[in-house]
Amino acid sequence: MARAPDPLGWTGLDAAARNPEREASPTYPFVAHPPAYIARRLQQIDRDSAENLLLARYGDTASFHTNVDQPGHVSGALDFTSSSWAYSPLSVYSEDYGLIVVSDTEVGMFWNFADY
């Protein structure tokens, strides 16, 4: 996956940077899906669901998208207290879920992976 320096100079954590699988696949650990495949699996959510502690850097006009599909009581909000979520994995792992933040100047991804 193409990497760009963080515009705010924040340090990233990348434990898999030297993983041989990553070198063989530039999108590792994600699968190179067509945009239409990904679009069907991402739901837009509101800012409150995304929490703005880390997300304030993206500004007030950013949009938030996730591959988790567990609607809350309000349209566009997620209920992360639910005991069962539904999600559409986008990686080579058996389970993954995350948040994509899109602003006018950058895109951020916050992701969790599991493989059983």
C-alpha atoms as a PDB file:
ATOM      1  CA  MET A   1       0.000   0.000   0.000  1.00  0.00           C
ATOM      2  CA  ALA A   2       1.406   3.385  -0.902  1.00  0.00           C
ATOM      3  CA  ARG A   3       2.516   5.322   2.155  1.00  0.00           C
ATOM      4  CA  ALA A   4       2.673   9.071   2.487  1.00  0.00           C
ATOM      5  CA  PRO A   5       4.204  11.101   5.295  1.00  0.00           C
ATOM      6  CA  ASP A   6       1.692  12.221   7.888  1.00  0.00           C
ATOM      7  CA  PRO A   7       0.841  15.881   7.157  1.00  0.00           C
ATOM      8  CA  LEU A   8       0.823  16.674  10.888  1.00  0.00           C
ATOM      9  CA  GLY A   9       4.022  14.746  11.585  1.00  0.00           C
ATOM     10  CA  TRP A  10       2.321  12.092  13.729  1.00  0.00           C
ATOM     11  CA  THR A  11       4.244   8.852  14.168  1.00  0.00           C
ATOM     12  CA  GLY A  12       2.600   5.706  12.801  1.00  0.00           C
ATOM     13  CA  LEU A  13       2.722   2.166  14.155  1.00  0.00           C
ATOM     14  CA  ASP A  14       3.525  -0.421  11.504  1.00  0.00           C
ATOM     15  CA  ALA A  15       4.582  -3.740  13.039  1.00  0.00           C
ATOM     16  CA  ALA A  16       4.217  -5.553   9.700  1.00  0.00           C
ATOM     17  CA  ALA A  17       6.542  -3.215   7.793  1.00  0.00           C
ATOM     18  CA  ARG A  18       9.058  -5.992   7.101  1.00  0.00           C
ATOM     19  CA  ASN A  19       6.571  -8.841   6.657  1.00  0.00           C
ATOM     20  CA  PRO A  20       7.498 -10.806   3.479  1.00  0.00           C
ATOM     21  CA  GLU A  21       3.810 -11.078   2.517  1.00  0.00           C
ATOM     22  CA  ARG A  22       3.607  -7.307   2.534  1.00  0.00           C
ATOM     23  CA  GLU A  23       6.510  -6.987   0.143  1.00  0.00           C
ATOM     24  CA  ALA A  24       4.818  -9.406  -2.288  1.00  0.00           C
ATOM     25  CA  SER A  25       1.526  -7.494  -2.219  1.00  0.00           C
ATOM     26  CA  PRO A  26       1.510  -3.669  -2.143  1.00  0.00           C
ATOM     27  CA  THR A  27      -2.019  -3.630  -0.661  1.00  0.00           C
ATOM     28  CA  TYR A  28      -1.214  -6.131   2.152  1.00  0.00           C
ATOM     29  CA  PRO A  29      -3.070  -6.943   4.370  1.00  0.00           C
ATOM     30  CA  PHE A  30      -5.980  -5.695   2.287  1.00  0.00           C
ATOM     31  CA  VAL A  31      -7.205  -7.491  -0.800  1.00  0.00           C
ATOM     32  CA  ALA A  32      -7.176  -5.344  -3.961  1.00  0.00           C
ATOM     33  CA  HIS A  33     -10.938  -5.138  -4.472  1.00  0.00           C
ATOM     34  CA  PRO A  34     -12.573  -2.979  -7.153  1.00  0.00           C
ATOM     35  CA  PRO A  35     -14.114   0.281  -5.832  1.00  0.00           C
ATOM     36  CA  ALA A  36     -17.681  -1.015  -6.368  1.00  0.00           C
ATOM     37  CA  TYR A  37     -16.957  -4.051  -4.150  1.00  0.00           C
ATOM     38  CA  ILE A  38     -15.685  -1.816  -1.346  1.00  0.00           C
ATOM     39  CA  ALA A  39     -18.485   0.750  -1.733  1.00  0.00           C
ATOM     40  CA  ARG A  40     -21.130  -1.942  -1.119  1.00  0.00           C
ATOM     41  CA  ARG A  41     -19.423  -2.888   2.141  1.00  0.00           C
ATOM     42  CA  LEU A  42     -18.925   0.543   3.711  1.00  0.00           C
ATOM     43  CA  GLN A  43     -21.652   2.393   5.609  1.00  0.00           C
ATOM     44  CA  GLN A  44     -21.380   6.097   6.363  1.00  0.00           C
ATOM     45  CA  ILE A  45     -21.714   6.892  10.074  1.00  0.00           C
ATOM     46  CA  ASP A  46     -22.064  10.107  12.066  1.00  0.00           C
ATOM     47  CA  ARG A  47     -19.271  11.943  13.863  1.00  0.00           C
ATOM     48  CA  ASP A  48     -20.514  10.967  17.342  1.00  0.00           C
ATOM     49  CA  SER A  49     -20.241   7.284  16.441  1.00  0.00           C
ATOM     50  CA  ALA A  50     -16.700   7.848  15.197  1.00  0.00           C
ATOM     51  CA  GLU A  51     -15.632   9.781  18.330  1.00  0.00           C
ATOM     52  CA  ASN A  52     -13.663  12.921  17.774  1.00  0.00           C
ATOM     53  CA  LEU A  53     -10.703  12.424  20.101  1.00  0.00           C
ATOM     54  CA  LEU A  54      -8.418  11.262  17.271  1.00  0.00           C
ATOM     55  CA  LEU A  55     -10.655  12.491  14.511  1.00  0.00           C
ATOM     56  CA  ALA A  56     -10.614  16.230  15.240  1.00  0.00           C
ATOM     57  CA  ARG A  57      -7.579  16.570  12.961  1.00  0.00           C
ATOM     58  CA  TYR A  58      -9.834  15.826   9.959  1.00  0.00           C
ATOM     59  CA  GLY A  59     -12.055  18.867  10.525  1.00  0.00           C
ATOM     60  CA  ASP A  60     -15.797  19.373  10.811  1.00  0.00           C
ATOM     61  CA  THR A  61     -16.600  18.489   7.193  1.00  0.00           C
ATOM     62  CA  ALA A  62     -14.970  15.025   7.151  1.00  0.00           C
ATOM     63  CA  SER A  63     -17.064  11.973   6.352  1.00  0.00           C
ATOM     64  CA  PHE A  64     -16.748   8.671   8.210  1.00  0.00           C
ATOM     65  CA  HIS A  65     -17.175   5.204   6.718  1.00  0.00           C
ATOM     66  CA  THR A  66     -16.983   1.698   8.181  1.00  0.00           C
ATOM     67  CA  ASN A  67     -17.388  -1.898   7.079  1.00  0.00           C
ATOM     68  CA  VAL A  68     -19.343  -2.611  10.290  1.00  0.00           C
ATOM     69  CA  ASP A  69     -23.079  -2.980   9.800  1.00  0.00           C
ATOM     70  CA  GLN A  70     -24.827  -2.928  13.167  1.00  0.00           C
ATOM     71  CA  PRO A  71     -27.272  -0.031  13.021  1.00  0.00           C
ATOM     72  CA  GLY A  72     -28.018   1.910  16.161  1.00  0.00           C
ATOM     73  CA  HIS A  73     -31.327   3.488  17.112  1.00  0.00           C
ATOM     74  CA  VAL A  74     -30.580   6.516  14.928  1.00  0.00           C
ATOM     75  CA  SER A  75     -30.059   6.219  11.176  1.00  0.00           C
ATOM     76  CA  GLY A  76     -26.354   6.435  10.305  1.00  0.00           C
ATOM     77  CA  ALA A  77     -25.244   5.705  13.892  1.00  0.00           C
ATOM     78  CA  LEU A  78     -23.696   2.451  15.090  1.00  0.00           C
ATOM     79  CA  ASP A  79     -24.358   0.623  18.326  1.00  0.00           C
ATOM     80  CA  PHE A  80     -20.955  -0.689  19.394  1.00  0.00           C
ATOM     81  CA  THR A  81     -22.488  -1.952  22.657  1.00  0.00           C
ATOM     82  CA  SER A  82     -24.366  -4.647  20.744  1.00  0.00           C
ATOM     83  CA  SER A  83     -23.178  -8.204  21.354  1.00  0.00           C
ATOM     84  CA  SER A  84     -23.337  -9.078  17.665  1.00  0.00           C
ATOM     85  CA  TRP A  85     -21.973  -7.047  14.790  1.00  0.00           C
ATOM     86  CA  ALA A  86     -22.018  -7.729  11.106  1.00  0.00           C
ATOM     87  CA  TYR A  87     -19.098  -6.675   8.955  1.00  0.00           C
ATOM     88  CA  SER A  88     -17.624  -7.233   5.519  1.00  0.00           C
ATOM     89  CA  PRO A  89     -13.904  -8.062   5.733  1.00  0.00           C
ATOM     90  CA  LEU A  90     -11.659  -6.236   3.270  1.00  0.00           C
ATOM     91  CA  SER A  91      -8.358  -7.983   4.043  1.00  0.00           C
ATOM     92  CA  VAL A  92      -6.730 -11.399   3.759  1.00  0.00           C
ATOM     93  CA  TYR A  93      -7.704 -12.132   7.379  1.00  0.00           C
ATOM     94  CA  SER A  94     -10.869 -13.945   8.444  1.00  0.00           C
ATOM     95  CA  GLU A  95     -12.089 -10.875  10.329  1.00  0.00           C
ATOM     96  CA  ASP A  96     -11.347  -7.186  10.042  1.00  0.00           C
ATOM     97  CA  TYR A  97     -13.250  -4.019  10.717  1.00  0.00           C
ATOM     98  CA  GLY A  98     -12.397  -0.387  10.790  1.00  0.00           C
ATOM     99  CA  LEU A  99     -13.073   3.239  10.165  1.00  0.00           C
ATOM    100  CA  ILE A 100     -12.151   5.324   7.116  1.00  0.00           C
ATOM    101  CA  VAL A 101     -12.125   9.109   7.521  1.00  0.00           C
ATOM    102  CA  VAL A 102     -12.171  11.335   4.443  1.00  0.00           C
ATOM    103  CA  SER A 103     -11.450  15.068   4.589  1.00  0.00           C
ATOM    104  CA  ASP A 104     -10.615  17.610   1.910  1.00  0.00           C
ATOM    105  CA  THR A 105      -6.890  17.094   2.531  1.00  0.00           C
ATOM    106  CA  GLU A 106      -6.355  13.510   3.726  1.00  0.00           C
ATOM    107  CA  VAL A 107      -7.743  10.019   4.269  1.00  0.00           C
ATOM    108  CA  GLY A 108      -7.238   8.159   7.537  1.00  0.00           C
ATOM    109  CA  MET A 109      -7.763   4.472   8.268  1.00  0.00           C
ATOM    110  CA  PHE A 110      -8.161   2.918  11.714  1.00  0.00           C
ATOM    111  CA  TRP A 111      -8.334  -0.883  11.431  1.00  0.00           C
ATOM    112  CA  ASN A 112      -8.423  -4.072  13.487  1.00  0.00           C
ATOM    113  CA  PHE A 113      -7.490  -7.517  12.161  1.00  0.00           C
ATOM    114  CA  ALA A 114      -8.120 -11.019  13.531  1.00  0.00           C
ATOM    115  CA  ASP A 115      -7.334 -14.424  12.086  1.00  0.00           C
ATOM    116  CA  TYR A 116      -8.422 -17.617  13.800  1.00  0.00           C
END
